[in-house]
Amino acid sequence: MEATKLLHAGWQQVVREWVAKTRPELADKFVQFFDLAFKHITSPQQAYFGVHSNWISLCVGNIWLAAFSKTFSKSVWLLVDNSLPDSRFDFELAKSTKRYIPLYWLKVVPEKITEILQSQDIWNSYANACLKVFESPISQLNIPKNRINKVRVSDLAPSITEQLPEEVASSFSDEQIEFAEGGIQEVTVELRKRNPLLRKQAIARLGYRCQICGFSFEEFYGELGKDYIEVHHLRPLSDRESEAITGIEDVAVVCANCHRVLHRNGKKPIPIEDLREIVERKKRLTRLST
């Protein structure tokens, strides 16, 4: 189905008509299902939604977050962060997440869609899974075929910008003051090799002062900050298909704050000149206001 129809006719109507062809009694339930799936996403600009001939899918990178498929066991799929102790549902390890952060598929027949809608434990688990996906390299995978006839979820406003329904939002109360943390989770991660000699020679030539904002750890923290700075690759190592040569001209020395901001966009870092311009503009405005 053409993606433009999702925008012009409204995704809710498109989903309702698609489901109604085979399960008219569940059409409104599936609209609610995907509405909740959208609203629990923390980065809707990275997620894509499409209604195709045999399935409806909400995906990011190379993984479904939520889907209803006529071809894959005629099942409803929802990504969750663990296998819940609930005998009503089947759970299956999402193999594409195993190498990063293991997550699970909750799979049910369409008739059980109401039970998903009514289970706050499931939606909490789905929300946690979404957070983990967006923090994982899997969300940065660019799979063009996964975006064919799909629309970016952030473009489906206003529905995804509305508040969660009261019964769903209640579990995310601002009054909660205690949170479970500290459990052991085994994670397998692939890291790009870095050459420590490059870092040493780059710092010897460029010094310990941030090339963006001018911050010096030693000036601010004294002895505790002496000989500390971070090295930033102007071209991400993740862009390389294999090992290649890096010169000192290919890196910059930056403070931790600027380094984190440079990588806010994941695998597409902000150009160092752009961030330097922002910092300089801020400094000028500060001087004028004093």
C-alpha atoms as a PDB file:
ATOM      1  CA  MET A   1       0.000   0.000   0.000  1.00  0.00           C
ATOM      2  CA  GLU A   2       1.313   3.448  -0.886  1.00  0.00           C
ATOM      3  CA  ALA A   3       2.709   5.334   2.080  1.00  0.00           C
ATOM      4  CA  THR A   4       0.933   8.530   1.026  1.00  0.00           C
ATOM      5  CA  LYS A   5      -2.423   6.951   1.870  1.00  0.00           C
ATOM      6  CA  LEU A   6      -1.348   6.643   5.498  1.00  0.00           C
ATOM      7  CA  LEU A   7      -0.856  10.400   5.615  1.00  0.00           C
ATOM      8  CA  HIS A   8      -3.826  11.484   3.514  1.00  0.00           C
ATOM      9  CA  ALA A   9      -6.485   9.068   4.713  1.00  0.00           C
ATOM     10  CA  GLY A  10      -5.090   8.717   8.216  1.00  0.00           C
ATOM     11  CA  TRP A  11      -3.268   5.651   9.463  1.00  0.00           C
ATOM     12  CA  GLN A  12      -6.167   4.683  11.748  1.00  0.00           C
ATOM     13  CA  GLN A  13      -8.579   4.428   8.827  1.00  0.00           C
ATOM     14  CA  VAL A  14      -6.099   2.478   6.720  1.00  0.00           C
ATOM     15  CA  VAL A  15      -5.486  -0.038   9.518  1.00  0.00           C
ATOM     16  CA  ARG A  16      -9.209  -0.329  10.237  1.00  0.00           C
ATOM     17  CA  GLU A  17     -10.022  -1.078   6.579  1.00  0.00           C
ATOM     18  CA  TRP A  18      -7.152  -3.579   6.243  1.00  0.00           C
ATOM     19  CA  VAL A  19      -8.131  -5.593   9.323  1.00  0.00           C
ATOM     20  CA  ALA A  20     -11.847  -5.382   8.495  1.00  0.00           C
ATOM     21  CA  LYS A  21     -11.306  -7.411   5.319  1.00  0.00           C
ATOM     22  CA  THR A  22     -10.707 -10.565   7.366  1.00  0.00           C
ATOM     23  CA  ARG A  23     -11.491  -9.747  11.009  1.00  0.00           C
ATOM     24  CA  PRO A  24     -13.991  -6.853  11.067  1.00  0.00           C
ATOM     25  CA  GLU A  25     -14.787  -7.421  14.756  1.00  0.00           C
ATOM     26  CA  LEU A  26     -11.139  -6.679  15.642  1.00  0.00           C
ATOM     27  CA  ALA A  27     -10.577  -3.626  13.450  1.00  0.00           C
ATOM     28  CA  ASP A  28     -10.919  -1.055  16.232  1.00  0.00           C
ATOM     29  CA  LYS A  29      -8.812  -3.196  18.579  1.00  0.00           C
ATOM     30  CA  PHE A  30      -5.904  -3.148  16.156  1.00  0.00           C
ATOM     31  CA  VAL A  31      -6.143   0.625  15.829  1.00  0.00           C
ATOM     32  CA  GLN A  32      -5.811   0.794  19.634  1.00  0.00           C
ATOM     33  CA  PHE A  33      -2.922  -1.684  19.534  1.00  0.00           C
ATOM     34  CA  PHE A  34      -0.809   0.336  17.100  1.00  0.00           C
ATOM     35  CA  ASP A  35      -1.800   3.610  18.741  1.00  0.00           C
ATOM     36  CA  LEU A  36      -0.310   2.348  22.013  1.00  0.00           C
ATOM     37  CA  ALA A  37       2.711   0.983  20.168  1.00  0.00           C
ATOM     38  CA  PHE A  38       3.374   4.459  18.730  1.00  0.00           C
ATOM     39  CA  LYS A  39       2.900   6.279  22.006  1.00  0.00           C
ATOM     40  CA  HIS A  40       5.417   4.163  23.893  1.00  0.00           C
ATOM     41  CA  ILE A  41       8.201   4.986  21.418  1.00  0.00           C
ATOM     42  CA  THR A  42      10.750   7.480  22.737  1.00  0.00           C
ATOM     43  CA  SER A  43      12.258   8.236  19.289  1.00  0.00           C
ATOM     44  CA  PRO A  44       9.375   8.315  16.766  1.00  0.00           C
ATOM     45  CA  GLN A  45      11.598   9.999  14.184  1.00  0.00           C
ATOM     46  CA  GLN A  46      13.624   6.768  13.914  1.00  0.00           C
ATOM     47  CA  ALA A  47      10.686   4.367  13.603  1.00  0.00           C
ATOM     48  CA  TYR A  48       8.710   3.538  10.445  1.00  0.00           C
ATOM     49  CA  PHE A  49       5.169   2.247   9.992  1.00  0.00           C
ATOM     50  CA  GLY A  50       3.575   0.595   6.989  1.00  0.00           C
ATOM     51  CA  VAL A  51       0.442  -1.309   5.952  1.00  0.00           C
ATOM     52  CA  HIS A  52       1.305  -3.906   3.314  1.00  0.00           C
ATOM     53  CA  SER A  53      -0.591  -6.655   1.526  1.00  0.00           C
ATOM     54  CA  ASN A  54       0.194  -9.366   4.080  1.00  0.00           C
ATOM     55  CA  TRP A  55       1.246  -7.509   7.209  1.00  0.00           C
ATOM     56  CA  ILE A  56       1.177  -4.281   9.177  1.00  0.00           C
ATOM     57  CA  SER A  57       4.507  -3.436  10.763  1.00  0.00           C
ATOM     58  CA  LEU A  58       6.168  -0.868  12.978  1.00  0.00           C
ATOM     59  CA  CYS A  59       9.928  -1.181  12.727  1.00  0.00           C
ATOM     60  CA  VAL A  60      13.223   0.472  13.580  1.00  0.00           C
ATOM     61  CA  GLY A  61      16.515  -0.485  11.968  1.00  0.00           C
ATOM     62  CA  ASN A  62      16.211  -4.186  11.197  1.00  0.00           C
ATOM     63  CA  ILE A  63      13.587  -5.239  13.719  1.00  0.00           C
ATOM     64  CA  TRP A  64       9.841  -5.124  14.190  1.00  0.00           C
ATOM     65  CA  LEU A  65       8.580  -3.378  17.300  1.00  0.00           C
ATOM     66  CA  ALA A  66       4.968  -4.348  16.650  1.00  0.00           C
ATOM     67  CA  ALA A  67       3.260  -6.153  13.801  1.00  0.00           C
ATOM     68  CA  PHE A  68       0.249  -8.123  12.640  1.00  0.00           C
ATOM     69  CA  SER A  69       1.063 -10.686   9.975  1.00  0.00           C
ATOM     70  CA  LYS A  70      -1.131 -12.847   7.772  1.00  0.00           C
ATOM     71  CA  THR A  71       1.880 -14.838   6.625  1.00  0.00           C
ATOM     72  CA  PHE A  72       3.897 -15.417   9.814  1.00  0.00           C
ATOM     73  CA  SER A  73       1.591 -17.801  11.710  1.00  0.00           C
ATOM     74  CA  LYS A  74      -1.231 -15.251  11.378  1.00  0.00           C
ATOM     75  CA  SER A  75       0.033 -13.711  14.603  1.00  0.00           C
ATOM     76  CA  VAL A  76       0.286 -10.445  16.474  1.00  0.00           C
ATOM     77  CA  TRP A  77       3.904  -9.612  17.338  1.00  0.00           C
ATOM     78  CA  LEU A  78       5.121  -7.259  20.047  1.00  0.00           C
ATOM     79  CA  LEU A  79       8.721  -6.768  21.179  1.00  0.00           C
ATOM     80  CA  VAL A  80       9.233  -7.057  24.958  1.00  0.00           C
ATOM     81  CA  ASP A  81      12.313  -6.880  27.153  1.00  0.00           C
ATOM     82  CA  ASN A  82      11.883 -10.264  28.813  1.00  0.00           C
ATOM     83  CA  SER A  83       9.843 -13.434  28.690  1.00  0.00           C
ATOM     84  CA  LEU A  84       6.932 -12.601  30.963  1.00  0.00           C
ATOM     85  CA  PRO A  85       5.542 -15.226  33.336  1.00  0.00           C
ATOM     86  CA  ASP A  86       2.174 -15.266  31.580  1.00  0.00           C
ATOM     87  CA  SER A  87       0.900 -18.565  30.188  1.00  0.00           C
ATOM     88  CA  ARG A  88      -1.606 -16.796  27.944  1.00  0.00           C
ATOM     89  CA  PHE A  89       1.157 -15.729  25.565  1.00  0.00           C
ATOM     90  CA  ASP A  90       4.015 -17.322  23.663  1.00  0.00           C
ATOM     91  CA  PHE A  91       7.500 -15.814  23.793  1.00  0.00           C
ATOM     92  CA  GLU A  92      10.354 -16.252  21.357  1.00  0.00           C
ATOM     93  CA  LEU A  93      13.877 -14.844  21.444  1.00  0.00           C
ATOM     94  CA  ALA A  94      14.292 -12.106  18.823  1.00  0.00           C
ATOM     95  CA  LYS A  95      17.441 -13.477  17.179  1.00  0.00           C
ATOM     96  CA  SER A  96      18.420 -10.173  15.574  1.00  0.00           C
ATOM     97  CA  THR A  97      18.829  -8.660  19.070  1.00  0.00           C
ATOM     98  CA  LYS A  98      20.862 -11.513  20.547  1.00  0.00           C
ATOM     99  CA  ARG A  99      24.226  -9.978  19.637  1.00  0.00           C
ATOM    100  CA  TYR A 100      23.314  -6.646  21.270  1.00  0.00           C
ATOM    101  CA  ILE A 101      20.687  -6.826  24.026  1.00  0.00           C
ATOM    102  CA  PRO A 102      18.548  -9.982  23.988  1.00  0.00           C
ATOM    103  CA  LEU A 103      14.855  -9.153  23.598  1.00  0.00           C
ATOM    104  CA  TYR A 104      11.788 -11.287  22.996  1.00  0.00           C
ATOM    105  CA  TRP A 105       8.770 -11.495  20.742  1.00  0.00           C
ATOM    106  CA  LEU A 106       5.390 -11.834  22.373  1.00  0.00           C
ATOM    107  CA  LYS A 107       3.254 -13.738  19.844  1.00  0.00           C
ATOM    108  CA  VAL A 108      -0.485 -14.328  20.058  1.00  0.00           C
ATOM    109  CA  VAL A 109      -3.362 -15.156  17.767  1.00  0.00           C
ATOM    110  CA  PRO A 110      -5.473 -12.132  16.763  1.00  0.00           C
ATOM    111  CA  GLU A 111      -8.271 -13.153  19.137  1.00  0.00           C
ATOM    112  CA  LYS A 112      -6.017 -12.298  22.088  1.00  0.00           C
ATOM    113  CA  ILE A 113      -5.420  -8.696  21.044  1.00  0.00           C
ATOM    114  CA  THR A 114      -7.812  -7.539  23.784  1.00  0.00           C
ATOM    115  CA  GLU A 115      -5.712  -9.275  26.439  1.00  0.00           C
ATOM    116  CA  ILE A 116      -2.628  -7.404  25.223  1.00  0.00           C
ATOM    117  CA  LEU A 117      -4.478  -4.102  25.351  1.00  0.00           C
ATOM    118  CA  GLN A 118      -5.521  -4.754  28.924  1.00  0.00           C
ATOM    119  CA  SER A 119      -2.127  -5.876  30.255  1.00  0.00           C
ATOM    120  CA  GLN A 120      -0.065  -3.055  31.710  1.00  0.00           C
ATOM    121  CA  ASP A 121       2.831  -5.463  32.353  1.00  0.00           C
ATOM    122  CA  ILE A 122       3.072  -6.100  28.624  1.00  0.00           C
ATOM    123  CA  TRP A 123       3.121  -2.414  27.708  1.00  0.00           C
ATOM    124  CA  ASN A 124       5.694  -1.670  30.403  1.00  0.00           C
ATOM    125  CA  SER A 125       7.859  -4.449  29.002  1.00  0.00           C
ATOM    126  CA  TYR A 126       7.347  -3.147  25.444  1.00  0.00           C
ATOM    127  CA  ALA A 127       8.321   0.390  26.517  1.00  0.00           C
ATOM    128  CA  ASN A 128      11.503  -0.967  28.117  1.00  0.00           C
ATOM    129  CA  ALA A 129      12.288  -2.958  24.971  1.00  0.00           C
ATOM    130  CA  CYS A 130      11.904   0.178  22.835  1.00  0.00           C
ATOM    131  CA  LEU A 131      14.320   2.090  25.065  1.00  0.00           C
ATOM    132  CA  LYS A 132      16.881  -0.696  24.763  1.00  0.00           C
ATOM    133  CA  VAL A 133      16.460  -0.911  20.991  1.00  0.00           C
ATOM    134  CA  PHE A 134      17.013   2.820  20.477  1.00  0.00           C
ATOM    135  CA  GLU A 135      20.142   2.659  22.649  1.00  0.00           C
ATOM    136  CA  SER A 136      21.471  -0.318  20.684  1.00  0.00           C
ATOM    137  CA  PRO A 137      23.372  -0.405  17.358  1.00  0.00           C
ATOM    138  CA  ILE A 138      20.469  -2.353  15.868  1.00  0.00           C
ATOM    139  CA  SER A 139      18.429   0.865  15.649  1.00  0.00           C
ATOM    140  CA  GLN A 140      21.099   2.444  13.439  1.00  0.00           C
ATOM    141  CA  LEU A 141      21.002  -0.262  10.763  1.00  0.00           C
ATOM    142  CA  ASN A 142      19.804   1.230   7.497  1.00  0.00           C
ATOM    143  CA  ILE A 143      17.757  -1.426   5.712  1.00  0.00           C
ATOM    144  CA  PRO A 144      16.159   0.302   2.673  1.00  0.00           C
ATOM    145  CA  LYS A 145      13.731  -2.549   1.948  1.00  0.00           C
ATOM    146  CA  ASN A 146      12.312  -2.206   5.467  1.00  0.00           C
ATOM    147  CA  ARG A 147      11.237   1.359   4.648  1.00  0.00           C
ATOM    148  CA  ILE A 148       9.470   0.693   1.355  1.00  0.00           C
ATOM    149  CA  ASN A 149       5.968   2.188   1.516  1.00  0.00           C
ATOM    150  CA  LYS A 150       6.464   3.093   5.165  1.00  0.00           C
ATOM    151  CA  VAL A 151       6.020   6.443   6.884  1.00  0.00           C
ATOM    152  CA  ARG A 152       8.174   7.843   9.642  1.00  0.00           C
ATOM    153  CA  VAL A 153       6.144   7.589  12.851  1.00  0.00           C
ATOM    154  CA  SER A 154       6.882  11.204  13.781  1.00  0.00           C
ATOM    155  CA  ASP A 155       5.081  12.204  10.553  1.00  0.00           C
ATOM    156  CA  LEU A 156       1.882  10.490  11.691  1.00  0.00           C
ATOM    157  CA  ALA A 157       1.109  13.325  14.151  1.00  0.00           C
ATOM    158  CA  PRO A 158      -1.029  14.369  15.895  1.00  0.00           C
ATOM    159  CA  SER A 159      -1.984  10.909  17.165  1.00  0.00           C
ATOM    160  CA  ILE A 160       1.452  10.001  18.504  1.00  0.00           C
ATOM    161  CA  THR A 161       1.914  13.326  20.272  1.00  0.00           C
ATOM    162  CA  GLU A 162      -1.233  13.006  22.350  1.00  0.00           C
ATOM    163  CA  GLN A 163      -1.084  11.916  25.978  1.00  0.00           C
ATOM    164  CA  LEU A 164      -1.304   8.230  26.772  1.00  0.00           C
ATOM    165  CA  PRO A 165      -4.736   7.009  27.822  1.00  0.00           C
ATOM    166  CA  GLU A 166      -5.277   7.429  31.548  1.00  0.00           C
ATOM    167  CA  GLU A 167      -5.178   3.686  32.284  1.00  0.00           C
ATOM    168  CA  VAL A 168      -1.807   3.412  30.496  1.00  0.00           C
ATOM    169  CA  ALA A 169      -0.250   6.612  31.788  1.00  0.00           C
ATOM    170  CA  SER A 170      -1.003   5.699  35.386  1.00  0.00           C
ATOM    171  CA  SER A 171       1.875   3.237  35.445  1.00  0.00           C
ATOM    172  CA  PHE A 172       4.349   5.991  34.536  1.00  0.00           C
ATOM    173  CA  SER A 173       3.411   8.270  37.408  1.00  0.00           C
ATOM    174  CA  ASP A 174       5.803  11.091  38.308  1.00  0.00           C
ATOM    175  CA  GLU A 175       5.189  10.132  41.930  1.00  0.00           C
ATOM    176  CA  GLN A 176       7.179   6.906  41.576  1.00  0.00           C
ATOM    177  CA  ILE A 177      10.382   7.287  43.607  1.00  0.00           C
ATOM    178  CA  GLU A 178      11.816   3.780  43.668  1.00  0.00           C
ATOM    179  CA  PHE A 179      13.049   1.802  40.661  1.00  0.00           C
ATOM    180  CA  ALA A 180      14.527  -1.682  40.277  1.00  0.00           C
ATOM    181  CA  GLU A 181      18.139  -1.599  39.045  1.00  0.00           C
ATOM    182  CA  GLY A 182      21.404  -3.452  39.425  1.00  0.00           C
ATOM    183  CA  GLY A 183      20.488  -6.853  38.005  1.00  0.00           C
ATOM    184  CA  ILE A 184      23.055  -8.760  35.975  1.00  0.00           C
ATOM    185  CA  GLN A 185      22.560  -8.765  32.215  1.00  0.00           C
ATOM    186  CA  GLU A 186      25.022 -10.415  29.851  1.00  0.00           C
ATOM    187  CA  VAL A 187      25.545  -8.443  26.647  1.00  0.00           C
ATOM    188  CA  THR A 188      27.727  -9.271  23.636  1.00  0.00           C
ATOM    189  CA  VAL A 189      29.012  -6.217  21.763  1.00  0.00           C
ATOM    190  CA  GLU A 190      31.266  -5.852  18.736  1.00  0.00           C
ATOM    191  CA  LEU A 191      33.777  -3.007  19.090  1.00  0.00           C
ATOM    192  CA  ARG A 192      35.942  -1.367  16.447  1.00  0.00           C
ATOM    193  CA  LYS A 193      39.687  -1.610  17.113  1.00  0.00           C
ATOM    194  CA  ARG A 194      41.378   1.655  18.114  1.00  0.00           C
ATOM    195  CA  ASN A 195      45.076   2.346  17.959  1.00  0.00           C
ATOM    196  CA  PRO A 196      46.423   3.743  21.264  1.00  0.00           C
ATOM    197  CA  LEU A 197      49.482   5.140  19.481  1.00  0.00           C
ATOM    198  CA  LEU A 198      47.224   7.333  17.323  1.00  0.00           C
ATOM    199  CA  ARG A 199      45.616   8.749  20.477  1.00  0.00           C
ATOM    200  CA  LYS A 200      49.012   9.426  22.067  1.00  0.00           C
ATOM    201  CA  GLN A 201      50.438  11.216  19.035  1.00  0.00           C
ATOM    202  CA  ALA A 202      47.226  13.156  18.374  1.00  0.00           C
ATOM    203  CA  ILE A 203      47.225  14.517  21.924  1.00  0.00           C
ATOM    204  CA  ALA A 204      50.964  15.297  21.681  1.00  0.00           C
ATOM    205  CA  ARG A 205      50.256  17.442  18.631  1.00  0.00           C
ATOM    206  CA  LEU A 206      46.835  18.878  19.508  1.00  0.00           C
ATOM    207  CA  GLY A 207      47.135  19.250  23.273  1.00  0.00           C
ATOM    208  CA  TYR A 208      44.644  18.824  26.095  1.00  0.00           C
ATOM    209  CA  ARG A 209      42.277  21.711  25.302  1.00  0.00           C
ATOM    210  CA  CYS A 210      38.923  20.985  23.638  1.00  0.00           C
ATOM    211  CA  GLN A 211      39.010  22.093  20.007  1.00  0.00           C
ATOM    212  CA  ILE A 212      35.331  22.993  20.151  1.00  0.00           C
ATOM    213  CA  CYS A 213      34.691  24.885  23.387  1.00  0.00           C
ATOM    214  CA  GLY A 214      38.227  25.437  24.683  1.00  0.00           C
ATOM    215  CA  PHE A 215      37.640  23.582  27.959  1.00  0.00           C
ATOM    216  CA  SER A 216      40.715  22.352  29.861  1.00  0.00           C
ATOM    217  CA  PHE A 217      40.250  19.600  32.431  1.00  0.00           C
ATOM    218  CA  GLU A 218      43.467  20.583  34.230  1.00  0.00           C
ATOM    219  CA  GLU A 219      42.514  24.260  34.490  1.00  0.00           C
ATOM    220  CA  PHE A 220      39.107  23.381  35.924  1.00  0.00           C
ATOM    221  CA  TYR A 221      39.881  20.329  38.099  1.00  0.00           C
ATOM    222  CA  GLY A 222      43.532  20.932  38.855  1.00  0.00           C
ATOM    223  CA  GLU A 223      45.761  17.903  39.321  1.00  0.00           C
ATOM    224  CA  LEU A 224      42.736  15.579  39.049  1.00  0.00           C
ATOM    225  CA  GLY A 225      42.109  16.712  35.464  1.00  0.00           C
ATOM    226  CA  LYS A 226      45.727  16.738  34.326  1.00  0.00           C
ATOM    227  CA  ASP A 227      46.548  14.897  31.089  1.00  0.00           C
ATOM    228  CA  TYR A 228      42.921  14.125  30.254  1.00  0.00           C
ATOM    229  CA  ILE A 229      41.081  14.746  26.996  1.00  0.00           C
ATOM    230  CA  GLU A 230      39.055  12.612  24.575  1.00  0.00           C
ATOM    231  CA  VAL A 231      39.846  11.849  20.934  1.00  0.00           C
ATOM    232  CA  HIS A 232      37.063  12.102  18.356  1.00  0.00           C
ATOM    233  CA  HIS A 233      37.183  10.493  14.903  1.00  0.00           C
ATOM    234  CA  LEU A 234      35.945  12.974  12.314  1.00  0.00           C
ATOM    235  CA  ARG A 235      34.810  10.052  10.199  1.00  0.00           C
ATOM    236  CA  PRO A 236      33.157   7.340  12.336  1.00  0.00           C
ATOM    237  CA  LEU A 237      34.961   4.012  12.434  1.00  0.00           C
ATOM    238  CA  SER A 238      31.555   2.381  11.937  1.00  0.00           C
ATOM    239  CA  ASP A 239      31.555   3.727   8.356  1.00  0.00           C
ATOM    240  CA  ARG A 240      34.448   1.438   7.477  1.00  0.00           C
ATOM    241  CA  GLU A 241      33.856  -1.990   6.021  1.00  0.00           C
ATOM    242  CA  SER A 242      37.295  -3.151   7.161  1.00  0.00           C
ATOM    243  CA  GLU A 243      40.485  -1.918   8.799  1.00  0.00           C
ATOM    244  CA  ALA A 244      41.903   1.259   7.219  1.00  0.00           C
ATOM    245  CA  ILE A 245      44.509   3.924   7.897  1.00  0.00           C
ATOM    246  CA  THR A 246      43.698   6.845  10.198  1.00  0.00           C
ATOM    247  CA  GLY A 247      45.903   9.951  10.292  1.00  0.00           C
ATOM    248  CA  ILE A 248      46.166  12.571  13.007  1.00  0.00           C
ATOM    249  CA  GLU A 249      44.351  14.945  10.655  1.00  0.00           C
ATOM    250  CA  ASP A 250      41.366  12.564  10.868  1.00  0.00           C
ATOM    251  CA  VAL A 251      40.793  13.137  14.592  1.00  0.00           C
ATOM    252  CA  ALA A 252      40.207  15.997  17.010  1.00  0.00           C
ATOM    253  CA  VAL A 253      40.636  16.406  20.762  1.00  0.00           C
ATOM    254  CA  VAL A 254      37.427  17.307  22.567  1.00  0.00           C
ATOM    255  CA  CYS A 255      36.023  17.450  26.089  1.00  0.00           C
ATOM    256  CA  ALA A 256      33.566  14.779  27.252  1.00  0.00           C
ATOM    257  CA  ASN A 257      30.548  17.101  26.957  1.00  0.00           C
ATOM    258  CA  CYS A 258      31.264  18.110  23.372  1.00  0.00           C
ATOM    259  CA  HIS A 259      32.085  14.503  22.480  1.00  0.00           C
ATOM    260  CA  ARG A 260      28.707  13.273  23.689  1.00  0.00           C
ATOM    261  CA  VAL A 261      26.870  16.024  21.824  1.00  0.00           C
ATOM    262  CA  LEU A 262      28.787  15.268  18.622  1.00  0.00           C
ATOM    263  CA  HIS A 263      27.380  11.731  18.753  1.00  0.00           C
ATOM    264  CA  ARG A 264      23.791  12.614  19.645  1.00  0.00           C
ATOM    265  CA  ASN A 265      22.706  11.477  16.165  1.00  0.00           C
ATOM    266  CA  GLY A 266      24.212   8.020  16.534  1.00  0.00           C
ATOM    267  CA  LYS A 267      26.274   6.907  13.542  1.00  0.00           C
ATOM    268  CA  LYS A 268      25.996  10.307  11.856  1.00  0.00           C
ATOM    269  CA  PRO A 269      27.952  12.627  14.161  1.00  0.00           C
ATOM    270  CA  ILE A 270      27.451  16.365  14.024  1.00  0.00           C
ATOM    271  CA  PRO A 271      30.258  18.037  12.019  1.00  0.00           C
ATOM    272  CA  ILE A 272      32.763  19.519  14.433  1.00  0.00           C
ATOM    273  CA  GLU A 273      32.571  22.911  12.678  1.00  0.00           C
ATOM    274  CA  ASP A 274      28.807  23.063  13.233  1.00  0.00           C
ATOM    275  CA  LEU A 275      29.105  22.430  16.963  1.00  0.00           C
ATOM    276  CA  ARG A 276      31.969  24.911  17.261  1.00  0.00           C
ATOM    277  CA  GLU A 277      29.781  27.553  15.600  1.00  0.00           C
ATOM    278  CA  ILE A 278      26.982  26.869  18.103  1.00  0.00           C
ATOM    279  CA  VAL A 279      29.409  27.219  21.006  1.00  0.00           C
ATOM    280  CA  GLU A 280      30.906  30.448  19.635  1.00  0.00           C
ATOM    281  CA  ARG A 281      27.439  31.914  19.081  1.00  0.00           C
ATOM    282  CA  LYS A 282      26.519  31.085  22.673  1.00  0.00           C
ATOM    283  CA  LYS A 283      29.708  32.724  23.951  1.00  0.00           C
ATOM    284  CA  ARG A 284      28.995  35.882  21.956  1.00  0.00           C
ATOM    285  CA  LEU A 285      25.467  36.121  23.338  1.00  0.00           C
ATOM    286  CA  THR A 286      26.785  35.633  26.856  1.00  0.00           C
ATOM    287  CA  ARG A 287      29.310  38.433  26.433  1.00  0.00           C
ATOM    288  CA  LEU A 288      26.657  40.799  25.066  1.00  0.00           C
ATOM    289  CA  SER A 289      24.309  40.103  27.978  1.00  0.00           C
ATOM    290  CA  THR A 290      26.920  40.899  30.631  1.00  0.00           C
END
